Amino acid sequence: MSDLDRIETNFRLSLISQREQSVLLKEVASSLKSMAEQMSVMAEKVDTVAEAR
């Protein structure tokens, strides 16, 4: 394997890794958004309970 082939292989692996990281980051962002929405709903419920007392 020549140096050029090795560089090309490493470059391709790097691109694949970056794509995988992007997918994972999008999944994390989606999970965080969902958690934030659930926390907001819970906060509203707690606020309602607090006002009822």
PDB file of N, CA and C in Angstrom:
ATOM      1  N   MET A   1       0.854  -1.178   0.000  1.00  0.00           N
ATOM      2  CA  MET A   1       0.000   0.000   0.000  1.00  0.00           C
ATOM      3  C   MET A   1       0.902   1.243   0.000  1.00  0.00           C
ATOM      4  N   SER A   2       0.656   2.106  -0.948  1.00  0.00           N
ATOM      5  CA  SER A   2       1.482   3.312  -1.039  1.00  0.00           C
ATOM      6  C   SER A   2       1.018   4.345  -0.019  1.00  0.00           C
ATOM      7  N   ASP A   3       1.852   5.338   0.173  1.00  0.00           N
ATOM      8  CA  ASP A   3       1.491   6.416   1.095  1.00  0.00           C
ATOM      9  C   ASP A   3       0.211   7.108   0.650  1.00  0.00           C
ATOM     10  N   LEU A   4       0.060   7.287  -0.653  1.00  0.00           N
ATOM     11  CA  LEU A   4      -1.133   7.948  -1.185  1.00  0.00           C
ATOM     12  C   LEU A   4      -2.386   7.121  -0.898  1.00  0.00           C
ATOM     13  N   ASP A   5      -2.285   5.807  -1.055  1.00  0.00           N
ATOM     14  CA  ASP A   5      -3.414   4.924  -0.744  1.00  0.00           C
ATOM     15  C   ASP A   5      -3.771   5.003   0.737  1.00  0.00           C
ATOM     16  N   ARG A   6      -2.759   5.038   1.561  1.00  0.00           N
ATOM     17  CA  ARG A   6      -2.976   5.122   3.004  1.00  0.00           C
ATOM     18  C   ARG A   6      -3.661   6.442   3.376  1.00  0.00           C
ATOM     19  N   ILE A   7      -3.216   7.520   2.757  1.00  0.00           N
ATOM     20  CA  ILE A   7      -3.821   8.835   3.006  1.00  0.00           C
ATOM     21  C   ILE A   7      -5.285   8.825   2.570  1.00  0.00           C
ATOM     22  N   GLU A   8      -5.546   8.254   1.397  1.00  0.00           N
ATOM     23  CA  GLU A   8      -6.923   8.184   0.892  1.00  0.00           C
ATOM     24  C   GLU A   8      -7.801   7.344   1.818  1.00  0.00           C
ATOM     25  N   THR A   9      -7.282   6.218   2.260  1.00  0.00           N
ATOM     26  CA  THR A   9      -8.029   5.353   3.176  1.00  0.00           C
ATOM     27  C   THR A   9      -8.333   6.076   4.482  1.00  0.00           C
ATOM     28  N   ASN A  10      -7.331   6.734   5.042  1.00  0.00           N
ATOM     29  CA  ASN A  10      -7.540   7.481   6.283  1.00  0.00           C
ATOM     30  C   ASN A  10      -8.554   8.599   6.095  1.00  0.00           C
ATOM     31  N   PHE A  11      -8.495   9.262   4.944  1.00  0.00           N
ATOM     32  CA  PHE A  11      -9.437  10.337   4.651  1.00  0.00           C
ATOM     33  C   PHE A  11     -10.863   9.790   4.586  1.00  0.00           C
ATOM     34  N   ARG A  12     -11.029   8.668   3.896  1.00  0.00           N
ATOM     35  CA  ARG A  12     -12.365   8.058   3.784  1.00  0.00           C
ATOM     36  C   ARG A  12     -12.885   7.626   5.159  1.00  0.00           C
ATOM     37  N   LEU A  13     -12.022   7.023   5.951  1.00  0.00           N
ATOM     38  CA  LEU A  13     -12.425   6.620   7.300  1.00  0.00           C
ATOM     39  C   LEU A  13     -12.799   7.825   8.147  1.00  0.00           C
ATOM     40  N   SER A  14     -12.074   8.904   7.972  1.00  0.00           N
ATOM     41  CA  SER A  14     -12.373  10.138   8.696  1.00  0.00           C
ATOM     42  C   SER A  14     -13.748  10.676   8.307  1.00  0.00           C
ATOM     43  N   LEU A  15     -14.059  10.650   7.016  1.00  0.00           N
ATOM     44  CA  LEU A  15     -15.375  11.114   6.557  1.00  0.00           C
ATOM     45  C   LEU A  15     -16.495  10.249   7.121  1.00  0.00           C
ATOM     46  N   ILE A  16     -16.278   8.936   7.113  1.00  0.00           N
ATOM     47  CA  ILE A  16     -17.276   8.016   7.665  1.00  0.00           C
ATOM     48  C   ILE A  16     -17.478   8.309   9.148  1.00  0.00           C
ATOM     49  N   SER A  17     -16.390   8.500   9.865  1.00  0.00           N
ATOM     50  CA  SER A  17     -16.459   8.791  11.292  1.00  0.00           C
ATOM     51  C   SER A  17     -17.208  10.099  11.545  1.00  0.00           C
ATOM     52  N   GLN A  18     -16.945  11.110  10.734  1.00  0.00           N
ATOM     53  CA  GLN A  18     -17.625  12.396  10.891  1.00  0.00           C
ATOM     54  C   GLN A  18     -19.122  12.247  10.658  1.00  0.00           C
ATOM     55  N   ARG A  19     -19.503  11.458   9.651  1.00  0.00           N
ATOM     56  CA  ARG A  19     -20.929  11.229   9.377  1.00  0.00           C
ATOM     57  C   ARG A  19     -21.585  10.515  10.549  1.00  0.00           C
ATOM     58  N   GLU A  20     -20.908   9.511  11.084  1.00  0.00           N
ATOM     59  CA  GLU A  20     -21.455   8.778  12.229  1.00  0.00           C
ATOM     60  C   GLU A  20     -21.610   9.702  13.428  1.00  0.00           C
ATOM     61  N   GLN A  21     -20.622  10.563  13.659  1.00  0.00           N
ATOM     62  CA  GLN A  21     -20.708  11.513  14.764  1.00  0.00           C
ATOM     63  C   GLN A  21     -21.863  12.479  14.562  1.00  0.00           C
ATOM     64  N   SER A  22     -22.078  12.919  13.330  1.00  0.00           N
ATOM     65  CA  SER A  22     -23.189  13.827  13.039  1.00  0.00           C
ATOM     66  C   SER A  22     -24.526  13.159  13.344  1.00  0.00           C
ATOM     67  N   VAL A  23     -24.656  11.900  12.954  1.00  0.00           N
ATOM     68  CA  VAL A  23     -25.892  11.163  13.227  1.00  0.00           C
ATOM     69  C   VAL A  23     -26.099  11.039  14.735  1.00  0.00           C
ATOM     70  N   LEU A  24     -25.044  10.693  15.453  1.00  0.00           N
ATOM     71  CA  LEU A  24     -25.153  10.555  16.909  1.00  0.00           C
ATOM     72  C   LEU A  24     -25.497  11.883  17.571  1.00  0.00           C
ATOM     73  N   LEU A  25     -24.886  12.966  17.106  1.00  0.00           N
ATOM     74  CA  LEU A  25     -25.186  14.281  17.672  1.00  0.00           C
ATOM     75  C   LEU A  25     -26.638  14.672  17.425  1.00  0.00           C
ATOM     76  N   LYS A  26     -27.162  14.333  16.257  1.00  0.00           N
ATOM     77  CA  LYS A  26     -28.571  14.625  15.970  1.00  0.00           C
ATOM     78  C   LYS A  26     -29.484  13.814  16.878  1.00  0.00           C
ATOM     79  N   GLU A  27     -29.118  12.561  17.140  1.00  0.00           N
ATOM     80  CA  GLU A  27     -29.906  11.726  18.050  1.00  0.00           C
ATOM     81  C   GLU A  27     -29.877  12.295  19.464  1.00  0.00           C
ATOM     82  N   VAL A  28     -28.709  12.740  19.910  1.00  0.00           N
ATOM     83  CA  VAL A  28     -28.585  13.344  21.240  1.00  0.00           C
ATOM     84  C   VAL A  28     -29.417  14.621  21.309  1.00  0.00           C
ATOM     85  N   ALA A  29     -29.340  15.449  20.278  1.00  0.00           N
ATOM     86  CA  ALA A  29     -30.108  16.693  20.246  1.00  0.00           C
ATOM     87  C   ALA A  29     -31.605  16.404  20.313  1.00  0.00           C
ATOM     88  N   SER A  30     -32.046  15.400  19.587  1.00  0.00           N
ATOM     89  CA  SER A  30     -33.456  15.025  19.604  1.00  0.00           C
ATOM     90  C   SER A  30     -33.883  14.550  20.992  1.00  0.00           C
ATOM     91  N   SER A  31     -33.046  13.747  21.625  1.00  0.00           N
ATOM     92  CA  SER A  31     -33.342  13.265  22.979  1.00  0.00           C
ATOM     93  C   SER A  31     -33.400  14.418  23.972  1.00  0.00           C
ATOM     94  N   LEU A  32     -32.463  15.349  23.851  1.00  0.00           N
ATOM     95  CA  LEU A  32     -32.458  16.506  24.750  1.00  0.00           C
ATOM     96  C   LEU A  32     -33.700  17.362  24.552  1.00  0.00           C
ATOM     97  N   LYS A  33     -34.111  17.535  23.309  1.00  0.00           N
ATOM     98  CA  LYS A  33     -35.317  18.312  23.022  1.00  0.00           C
ATOM     99  C   LYS A  33     -36.534  17.642  23.643  1.00  0.00           C
ATOM    100  N   SER A  34     -36.618  16.328  23.494  1.00  0.00           N
ATOM    101  CA  SER A  34     -37.724  15.575  24.075  1.00  0.00           C
ATOM    102  C   SER A  34     -37.728  15.693  25.598  1.00  0.00           C
ATOM    103  N   MET A  35     -36.546  15.572  26.203  1.00  0.00           N
ATOM    104  CA  MET A  35     -36.442  15.714  27.660  1.00  0.00           C
ATOM    105  C   MET A  35     -36.870  17.103  28.105  1.00  0.00           C
ATOM    106  N   ALA A  36     -36.454  18.121  27.361  1.00  0.00           N
ATOM    107  CA  ALA A  36     -36.807  19.499  27.710  1.00  0.00           C
ATOM    108  C   ALA A  36     -38.320  19.693  27.646  1.00  0.00           C
ATOM    109  N   GLU A  37     -38.957  19.120  26.632  1.00  0.00           N
ATOM    110  CA  GLU A  37     -40.410  19.225  26.515  1.00  0.00           C
ATOM    111  C   GLU A  37     -41.098  18.526  27.684  1.00  0.00           C
ATOM    112  N   GLN A  38     -40.599  17.355  28.063  1.00  0.00           N
ATOM    113  CA  GLN A  38     -41.177  16.627  29.190  1.00  0.00           C
ATOM    114  C   GLN A  38     -40.975  17.392  30.495  1.00  0.00           C
ATOM    115  N   MET A  39     -39.806  18.005  30.664  1.00  0.00           N
ATOM    116  CA  MET A  39     -39.544  18.800  31.870  1.00  0.00           C
ATOM    117  C   MET A  39     -40.477  20.004  31.929  1.00  0.00           C
ATOM    118  N   SER A  40     -40.748  20.603  30.786  1.00  0.00           N
ATOM    119  CA  SER A  40     -41.652  21.747  30.728  1.00  0.00           C
ATOM    120  C   SER A  40     -43.061  21.340  31.160  1.00  0.00           C
ATOM    121  N   VAL A  41     -43.522  20.196  30.672  1.00  0.00           N
ATOM    122  CA  VAL A  41     -44.841  19.690  31.062  1.00  0.00           C
ATOM    123  C   VAL A  41     -44.869  19.415  32.561  1.00  0.00           C
ATOM    124  N   MET A  42     -43.812  18.804  33.077  1.00  0.00           N
ATOM    125  CA  MET A  42     -43.756  18.509  34.505  1.00  0.00           C
ATOM    126  C   MET A  42     -43.742  19.798  35.320  1.00  0.00           C
ATOM    127  N   ALA A  43     -43.007  20.798  34.864  1.00  0.00           N
ATOM    128  CA  ALA A  43     -42.951  22.076  35.574  1.00  0.00           C
ATOM    129  C   ALA A  43     -44.332  22.725  35.617  1.00  0.00           C
ATOM    130  N   GLU A  44     -45.073  22.642  34.523  1.00  0.00           N
ATOM    131  CA  GLU A  44     -46.431  23.195  34.505  1.00  0.00           C
ATOM    132  C   GLU A  44     -47.319  22.474  35.510  1.00  0.00           C
ATOM    133  N   LYS A  45     -47.184  21.153  35.600  1.00  0.00           N
ATOM    134  CA  LYS A  45     -47.990  20.378  36.554  1.00  0.00           C
ATOM    135  C   LYS A  45     -47.630  20.742  37.989  1.00  0.00           C
ATOM    136  N   VAL A  46     -46.348  20.877  38.269  1.00  0.00           N
ATOM    137  CA  VAL A  46     -45.910  21.261  39.613  1.00  0.00           C
ATOM    138  C   VAL A  46     -46.429  22.655  39.946  1.00  0.00           C
ATOM    139  N   ASP A  47     -46.377  23.556  38.979  1.00  0.00           N
ATOM    140  CA  ASP A  47     -46.883  24.912  39.175  1.00  0.00           C
ATOM    141  C   ASP A  47     -48.383  24.885  39.471  1.00  0.00           C
ATOM    142  N   THR A  48     -49.121  24.041  38.760  1.00  0.00           N
ATOM    143  CA  THR A  48     -50.565  23.913  38.987  1.00  0.00           C
ATOM    144  C   THR A  48     -50.841  23.407  40.397  1.00  0.00           C
ATOM    145  N   VAL A  49     -50.076  22.418  40.832  1.00  0.00           N
ATOM    146  CA  VAL A  49     -50.239  21.890  42.194  1.00  0.00           C
ATOM    147  C   VAL A  49     -49.921  22.973  43.215  1.00  0.00           C
ATOM    148  N   ALA A  50     -48.866  23.737  42.971  1.00  0.00           N
ATOM    149  CA  ALA A  50     -48.476  24.799  43.905  1.00  0.00           C
ATOM    150  C   ALA A  50     -49.560  25.865  44.003  1.00  0.00           C
ATOM    151  N   GLU A  51     -50.185  26.199  42.885  1.00  0.00           N
ATOM    152  CA  GLU A  51     -51.240  27.216  42.898  1.00  0.00           C
ATOM    153  C   GLU A  51     -52.493  26.717  43.594  1.00  0.00           C
ATOM    154  N   ALA A  52     -52.730  25.403  43.575  1.00  0.00           N
ATOM    155  CA  ALA A  52     -53.925  24.828  44.183  1.00  0.00           C
ATOM    156  C   ALA A  52     -53.830  24.805  45.705  1.00  0.00           C
ATOM    157  N   ARG A  53     -52.658  25.012  46.236  1.00  0.00           N
ATOM    158  CA  ARG A  53     -52.484  24.936  47.696  1.00  0.00           C
ATOM    159  C   ARG A  53     -52.638  26.272  48.334  1.00  0.00           C
TER     160      ARG A  53
END
